[in-house]
Amino acid sequence: MDELVSHIYNIMKGLVSFVITGIVSAFLPLEDALFILFTGFTINFITGFVTDIRVNKKEFNMKKAFDAVSQIGYFFGLIFFISATGTNLHDSVFTAVGVKWSTVIVTLYYILNILKNGKQLWPGNIAISLLYDILSLQGVGYFIKLFGLKKEREVK
């Protein structure tokens, strides 16, 4: 039973993320989506750097910084591929929705990582913890626990 509930929990998290990012990308202009992506990347880079220095007591890691920059480069390669495919198919709606949707998904990842780093930097900050729990869909786990389908220690 616990395995089934865990599987349903993971499917629900993915489905809710899928729907939320789809709705946001439908109403978000492309320029705003790209601006938010660059802002999220920058803040994520800075908070990761500060968290490593202050919390994890590590020095600046050039390999980790290069990985972060290369990931955004890979993402722009994906954006180019989606744009080229939509242009070749003469489908501007597909292109716009595909680019915006993938941008919103990556931005959600950056926001979650910023909040995760913020929880480590300021462990007593309730607002950061609440936002992280909401955006990472921890509420689904709380409902499962509320209905007695899973014990508290098993909810991730």
C-alpha atoms as a PDB file:
ATOM      1  CA  MET A   1       0.000   0.000   0.000  1.00  0.00           C
ATOM      2  CA  ASP A   2       2.816   2.431   0.873  1.00  0.00           C
ATOM      3  CA  GLU A   3       4.453   1.815  -2.494  1.00  0.00           C
ATOM      4  CA  LEU A   4       1.206   2.601  -4.303  1.00  0.00           C
ATOM      5  CA  VAL A   5       0.665   5.785  -2.300  1.00  0.00           C
ATOM      6  CA  SER A   6       4.242   6.867  -2.968  1.00  0.00           C
ATOM      7  CA  HIS A   7       3.751   6.248  -6.681  1.00  0.00           C
ATOM      8  CA  ILE A   8       0.465   8.203  -6.722  1.00  0.00           C
ATOM      9  CA  TYR A   9       2.150  11.020  -4.754  1.00  0.00           C
ATOM     10  CA  ASN A  10       4.944  11.315  -7.331  1.00  0.00           C
ATOM     11  CA  ILE A  11       2.478  11.252 -10.230  1.00  0.00           C
ATOM     12  CA  MET A  12       0.333  13.956  -8.591  1.00  0.00           C
ATOM     13  CA  LYS A  13       3.369  16.207  -8.046  1.00  0.00           C
ATOM     14  CA  GLY A  14       4.346  15.863 -11.683  1.00  0.00           C
ATOM     15  CA  LEU A  15       0.807  16.412 -12.929  1.00  0.00           C
ATOM     16  CA  VAL A  16       0.267  19.518 -10.803  1.00  0.00           C
ATOM     17  CA  SER A  17       3.632  20.947 -11.933  1.00  0.00           C
ATOM     18  CA  PHE A  18       2.733  20.180 -15.547  1.00  0.00           C
ATOM     19  CA  VAL A  19      -0.624  21.994 -15.284  1.00  0.00           C
ATOM     20  CA  ILE A  20       0.717  25.009 -13.355  1.00  0.00           C
ATOM     21  CA  THR A  21       3.629  25.603 -15.740  1.00  0.00           C
ATOM     22  CA  GLY A  22       1.295  25.178 -18.726  1.00  0.00           C
ATOM     23  CA  ILE A  23      -1.161  27.770 -17.406  1.00  0.00           C
ATOM     24  CA  VAL A  24       1.582  30.259 -16.502  1.00  0.00           C
ATOM     25  CA  SER A  25       3.265  29.873 -19.886  1.00  0.00           C
ATOM     26  CA  ALA A  26      -0.013  30.459 -21.715  1.00  0.00           C
ATOM     27  CA  PHE A  27      -0.406  33.938 -20.224  1.00  0.00           C
ATOM     28  CA  LEU A  28       3.236  35.013 -19.887  1.00  0.00           C
ATOM     29  CA  PRO A  29       4.774  37.049 -22.728  1.00  0.00           C
ATOM     30  CA  LEU A  30       7.965  35.552 -24.155  1.00  0.00           C
ATOM     31  CA  GLU A  31      10.110  38.570 -23.291  1.00  0.00           C
ATOM     32  CA  ASP A  32       8.993  38.405 -19.651  1.00  0.00           C
ATOM     33  CA  ALA A  33       9.643  34.665 -19.501  1.00  0.00           C
ATOM     34  CA  LEU A  34      13.209  35.130 -20.753  1.00  0.00           C
ATOM     35  CA  PHE A  35      13.815  38.068 -18.385  1.00  0.00           C
ATOM     36  CA  ILE A  36      12.558  36.016 -15.426  1.00  0.00           C
ATOM     37  CA  LEU A  37      14.772  33.124 -16.543  1.00  0.00           C
ATOM     38  CA  PHE A  38      17.909  35.313 -16.611  1.00  0.00           C
ATOM     39  CA  THR A  39      16.997  36.826 -13.252  1.00  0.00           C
ATOM     40  CA  GLY A  40      16.385  33.386 -11.760  1.00  0.00           C
ATOM     41  CA  PHE A  41      19.690  32.091 -13.132  1.00  0.00           C
ATOM     42  CA  THR A  42      21.599  35.038 -11.670  1.00  0.00           C
ATOM     43  CA  ILE A  43      19.969  34.865  -8.236  1.00  0.00           C
ATOM     44  CA  ASN A  44      20.339  31.068  -8.183  1.00  0.00           C
ATOM     45  CA  PHE A  45      24.055  31.380  -8.999  1.00  0.00           C
ATOM     46  CA  ILE A  46      24.585  33.977  -6.259  1.00  0.00           C
ATOM     47  CA  THR A  47      22.584  32.156  -3.566  1.00  0.00           C
ATOM     48  CA  GLY A  48      24.332  28.870  -4.396  1.00  0.00           C
ATOM     49  CA  PHE A  49      27.705  30.577  -4.134  1.00  0.00           C
ATOM     50  CA  VAL A  50      26.840  32.239  -0.802  1.00  0.00           C
ATOM     51  CA  THR A  51      25.324  29.024   0.608  1.00  0.00           C
ATOM     52  CA  ASP A  52      28.450  27.065  -0.269  1.00  0.00           C
ATOM     53  CA  ILE A  53      30.679  29.640   1.437  1.00  0.00           C
ATOM     54  CA  ARG A  54      28.578  30.338   4.551  1.00  0.00           C
ATOM     55  CA  VAL A  55      26.738  27.086   5.249  1.00  0.00           C
ATOM     56  CA  ASN A  56      28.822  24.359   3.622  1.00  0.00           C
ATOM     57  CA  LYS A  57      32.154  26.121   4.331  1.00  0.00           C
ATOM     58  CA  LYS A  58      33.438  25.458   0.821  1.00  0.00           C
ATOM     59  CA  GLU A  59      35.539  27.647  -1.408  1.00  0.00           C
ATOM     60  CA  PHE A  60      34.475  28.835  -4.856  1.00  0.00           C
ATOM     61  CA  ASN A  61      34.339  25.849  -7.187  1.00  0.00           C
ATOM     62  CA  MET A  62      35.069  26.760 -10.795  1.00  0.00           C
ATOM     63  CA  LYS A  63      33.781  23.383 -12.056  1.00  0.00           C
ATOM     64  CA  LYS A  64      30.426  23.923 -10.319  1.00  0.00           C
ATOM     65  CA  ALA A  65      30.198  27.449 -11.771  1.00  0.00           C
ATOM     66  CA  PHE A  66      31.030  26.129 -15.245  1.00  0.00           C
ATOM     67  CA  ASP A  67      28.341  23.443 -14.864  1.00  0.00           C
ATOM     68  CA  ALA A  68      25.757  26.099 -13.983  1.00  0.00           C
ATOM     69  CA  VAL A  69      26.684  28.225 -16.998  1.00  0.00           C
ATOM     70  CA  SER A  70      26.784  25.201 -19.311  1.00  0.00           C
ATOM     71  CA  GLN A  71      23.302  24.146 -18.157  1.00  0.00           C
ATOM     72  CA  ILE A  72      21.872  27.504 -19.191  1.00  0.00           C
ATOM     73  CA  GLY A  73      23.758  27.097 -22.490  1.00  0.00           C
ATOM     74  CA  TYR A  74      22.181  23.675 -23.043  1.00  0.00           C
ATOM     75  CA  PHE A  75      18.812  25.186 -22.290  1.00  0.00           C
ATOM     76  CA  PHE A  76      19.297  27.855 -24.940  1.00  0.00           C
ATOM     77  CA  GLY A  77      20.261  25.067 -27.347  1.00  0.00           C
ATOM     78  CA  LEU A  78      16.899  23.464 -26.554  1.00  0.00           C
ATOM     79  CA  ILE A  79      15.154  26.807 -27.126  1.00  0.00           C
ATOM     80  CA  PHE A  80      16.902  27.118 -30.492  1.00  0.00           C
ATOM     81  CA  PHE A  81      15.833  23.559 -31.425  1.00  0.00           C
ATOM     82  CA  ILE A  82      12.198  24.245 -30.499  1.00  0.00           C
ATOM     83  CA  SER A  83      12.260  27.529 -32.408  1.00  0.00           C
ATOM     84  CA  ALA A  84      13.854  25.965 -35.492  1.00  0.00           C
ATOM     85  CA  THR A  85      11.373  23.092 -35.463  1.00  0.00           C
ATOM     86  CA  GLY A  86       8.402  25.443 -35.158  1.00  0.00           C
ATOM     87  CA  THR A  87       9.747  27.676 -37.913  1.00  0.00           C
ATOM     88  CA  ASN A  88      10.291  24.732 -40.270  1.00  0.00           C
ATOM     89  CA  LEU A  89       6.769  23.508 -39.573  1.00  0.00           C
ATOM     90  CA  HIS A  90       5.396  27.042 -40.076  1.00  0.00           C
ATOM     91  CA  ASP A  91       3.729  26.844 -36.671  1.00  0.00           C
ATOM     92  CA  SER A  92       4.378  30.009 -34.707  1.00  0.00           C
ATOM     93  CA  VAL A  93       1.943  29.017 -31.938  1.00  0.00           C
ATOM     94  CA  PHE A  94       3.849  25.762 -31.285  1.00  0.00           C
ATOM     95  CA  THR A  95       7.094  27.695 -31.206  1.00  0.00           C
ATOM     96  CA  ALA A  96       5.882  30.352 -28.777  1.00  0.00           C
ATOM     97  CA  VAL A  97       4.171  27.900 -26.416  1.00  0.00           C
ATOM     98  CA  GLY A  98       7.090  25.455 -26.500  1.00  0.00           C
ATOM     99  CA  VAL A  99       9.669  28.128 -25.758  1.00  0.00           C
ATOM    100  CA  LYS A 100       7.605  29.750 -23.015  1.00  0.00           C
ATOM    101  CA  TRP A 101       6.660  26.450 -21.398  1.00  0.00           C
ATOM    102  CA  SER A 102      10.215  25.154 -21.248  1.00  0.00           C
ATOM    103  CA  THR A 103      11.369  28.533 -19.936  1.00  0.00           C
ATOM    104  CA  VAL A 104       8.755  28.464 -17.162  1.00  0.00           C
ATOM    105  CA  ILE A 105       9.760  24.908 -16.185  1.00  0.00           C
ATOM    106  CA  VAL A 106      13.444  25.851 -15.908  1.00  0.00           C
ATOM    107  CA  THR A 107      12.513  29.032 -14.028  1.00  0.00           C
ATOM    108  CA  LEU A 108      10.492  26.963 -11.543  1.00  0.00           C
ATOM    109  CA  TYR A 109      13.592  24.823 -10.981  1.00  0.00           C
ATOM    110  CA  TYR A 110      15.680  27.952 -10.344  1.00  0.00           C
ATOM    111  CA  ILE A 111      13.100  29.375  -7.924  1.00  0.00           C
ATOM    112  CA  LEU A 112      12.953  26.098  -5.993  1.00  0.00           C
ATOM    113  CA  ASN A 113      16.746  25.974  -5.801  1.00  0.00           C
ATOM    114  CA  ILE A 114      16.876  29.616  -4.634  1.00  0.00           C
ATOM    115  CA  LEU A 115      14.354  28.829  -1.896  1.00  0.00           C
ATOM    116  CA  LYS A 116      16.220  25.654  -0.914  1.00  0.00           C
ATOM    117  CA  ASN A 117      19.442  27.664  -0.567  1.00  0.00           C
ATOM    118  CA  GLY A 118      17.502  30.349   1.315  1.00  0.00           C
ATOM    119  CA  LYS A 119      16.248  27.741   3.792  1.00  0.00           C
ATOM    120  CA  GLN A 120      19.867  26.790   4.467  1.00  0.00           C
ATOM    121  CA  LEU A 121      21.031  30.405   4.779  1.00  0.00           C
ATOM    122  CA  TRP A 122      18.133  31.492   7.003  1.00  0.00           C
ATOM    123  CA  PRO A 123      16.813  28.337   8.702  1.00  0.00           C
ATOM    124  CA  GLY A 124      14.407  30.239  10.968  1.00  0.00           C
ATOM    125  CA  ASN A 125      12.657  32.132   8.162  1.00  0.00           C
ATOM    126  CA  ILE A 126       9.089  30.823   8.011  1.00  0.00           C
ATOM    127  CA  ALA A 127       8.210  32.671   4.786  1.00  0.00           C
ATOM    128  CA  ILE A 128      10.987  30.983   2.808  1.00  0.00           C
ATOM    129  CA  SER A 129      10.047  27.574   4.227  1.00  0.00           C
ATOM    130  CA  LEU A 130       6.372  28.127   3.407  1.00  0.00           C
ATOM    131  CA  LEU A 131       7.093  29.240  -0.171  1.00  0.00           C
ATOM    132  CA  TYR A 132       9.403  26.275  -0.679  1.00  0.00           C
ATOM    133  CA  ASP A 133       6.770  23.857   0.648  1.00  0.00           C
ATOM    134  CA  ILE A 134       4.087  25.351  -1.591  1.00  0.00           C
ATOM    135  CA  LEU A 135       6.159  25.473  -4.782  1.00  0.00           C
ATOM    136  CA  SER A 136       7.713  22.042  -4.256  1.00  0.00           C
ATOM    137  CA  LEU A 137       4.197  20.663  -3.775  1.00  0.00           C
ATOM    138  CA  GLN A 138       4.883  19.353  -0.274  1.00  0.00           C
ATOM    139  CA  GLY A 139       1.202  19.997   0.423  1.00  0.00           C
ATOM    140  CA  VAL A 140       0.291  16.850  -1.509  1.00  0.00           C
ATOM    141  CA  GLY A 141       2.316  14.871   1.034  1.00  0.00           C
ATOM    142  CA  TYR A 142       0.598  16.637   3.920  1.00  0.00           C
ATOM    143  CA  PHE A 143      -2.824  15.655   2.525  1.00  0.00           C
ATOM    144  CA  ILE A 144      -1.702  12.050   2.177  1.00  0.00           C
ATOM    145  CA  LYS A 145      -0.555  12.102   5.802  1.00  0.00           C
ATOM    146  CA  LEU A 146      -3.807  13.794   6.867  1.00  0.00           C
ATOM    147  CA  PHE A 147      -5.885  10.986   5.403  1.00  0.00           C
ATOM    148  CA  GLY A 148      -3.702   8.418   7.162  1.00  0.00           C
ATOM    149  CA  LEU A 149      -2.319   6.861   4.001  1.00  0.00           C
ATOM    150  CA  LYS A 150       1.304   7.557   4.937  1.00  0.00           C
ATOM    151  CA  LYS A 151       3.164   8.096   8.198  1.00  0.00           C
ATOM    152  CA  GLU A 152       4.704  11.511   8.856  1.00  0.00           C
ATOM    153  CA  ARG A 153       8.324  10.371   8.593  1.00  0.00           C
ATOM    154  CA  GLU A 154       7.697   8.895   5.121  1.00  0.00           C
ATOM    155  CA  VAL A 155       6.406  12.134   3.565  1.00  0.00           C
ATOM    156  CA  LYS A 156       9.224  13.834   1.631  1.00  0.00           C
END
